Amino acid sequence: MTLITTPNLEAPDDFYEALIEAHQGLSTEESHAFNARLVLVLANHIGSLAVLREAFAAAK
């Protein structure tokens, strides 16, 4: 499996709206903690260290 870097979201605007809504009412610290937990949940879903390393490189 390789990292998909081309647009792949069914409804990107809906995703963005849901992400913003998930942060509503959170302090900056809580927002950072939420993001950290979200990264861990998604990393677990991906499950491949090689793909995650590709994602790390792409995010830099």
Protein backbone atom coordinates (compact mmCIF):
# COMPACT_ATOMS: atom_id res chain seq x y z
CA MET A 1 0.00 0.00 0.00
CA THR A 2 1.25 3.48 -0.81
CA LEU A 3 0.08 6.84 0.38
CA ILE A 4 -2.67 8.38 -1.71
CA THR A 5 -1.74 12.02 -2.33
CA THR A 6 -4.29 12.85 -5.02
CA PRO A 7 -7.71 14.19 -3.97
CA ASN A 8 -9.63 11.25 -2.50
CA LEU A 9 -12.37 12.66 -0.27
CA GLU A 10 -15.97 12.10 -1.36
CA ALA A 11 -17.06 15.46 0.00
CA PRO A 12 -14.07 17.57 1.03
CA ASP A 13 -16.16 20.57 2.04
CA ASP A 14 -18.30 18.38 4.30
CA PHE A 15 -15.15 16.89 5.84
CA TYR A 16 -13.74 20.36 6.52
CA GLU A 17 -17.02 21.47 8.07
CA ALA A 18 -17.13 18.37 10.30
CA LEU A 19 -13.52 18.92 11.39
CA ILE A 20 -14.20 22.55 12.29
CA GLU A 21 -17.35 21.53 14.17
CA ALA A 22 -15.36 18.92 16.12
CA HIS A 23 -13.12 21.73 17.39
CA GLN A 24 -16.01 24.02 18.40
CA GLY A 25 -15.88 24.95 22.06
CA LEU A 26 -12.42 23.49 22.64
CA SER A 27 -9.60 25.51 24.13
CA THR A 28 -6.33 25.64 22.21
CA GLU A 29 -4.91 22.93 24.48
CA GLU A 30 -8.00 20.74 24.05
CA SER A 31 -7.87 21.29 20.29
CA HIS A 32 -4.24 20.15 20.16
CA ALA A 33 -5.09 17.08 22.25
CA PHE A 34 -8.03 16.30 19.96
CA ASN A 35 -5.75 16.52 16.91
CA ALA A 36 -3.22 14.20 18.55
CA ARG A 37 -5.92 11.63 19.33
CA LEU A 38 -7.31 11.94 15.81
CA VAL A 39 -3.86 11.29 14.33
CA LEU A 40 -3.50 8.16 16.46
CA VAL A 41 -6.96 6.88 15.50
CA LEU A 42 -6.28 7.44 11.80
CA ALA A 43 -2.78 5.94 12.06
CA ASN A 44 -4.30 2.84 13.61
CA HIS A 45 -6.81 2.68 10.76
CA ILE A 46 -4.01 2.93 8.17
CA GLY A 47 -2.00 0.34 10.04
CA SER A 48 1.10 0.45 7.81
CA LEU A 49 4.25 2.07 9.16
CA ALA A 50 5.58 2.47 5.61
CA VAL A 51 2.48 4.45 4.59
CA LEU A 52 2.65 6.51 7.78
CA ARG A 53 6.30 7.34 7.06
CA GLU A 54 5.23 8.51 3.59
CA ALA A 55 2.61 10.69 5.26
CA PHE A 56 5.20 12.15 7.65
CA ALA A 57 7.42 13.06 4.70
CA ALA A 58 4.49 14.52 2.73
CA ALA A 59 3.39 16.61 5.71
CA LYS A 60 6.83 18.20 6.09
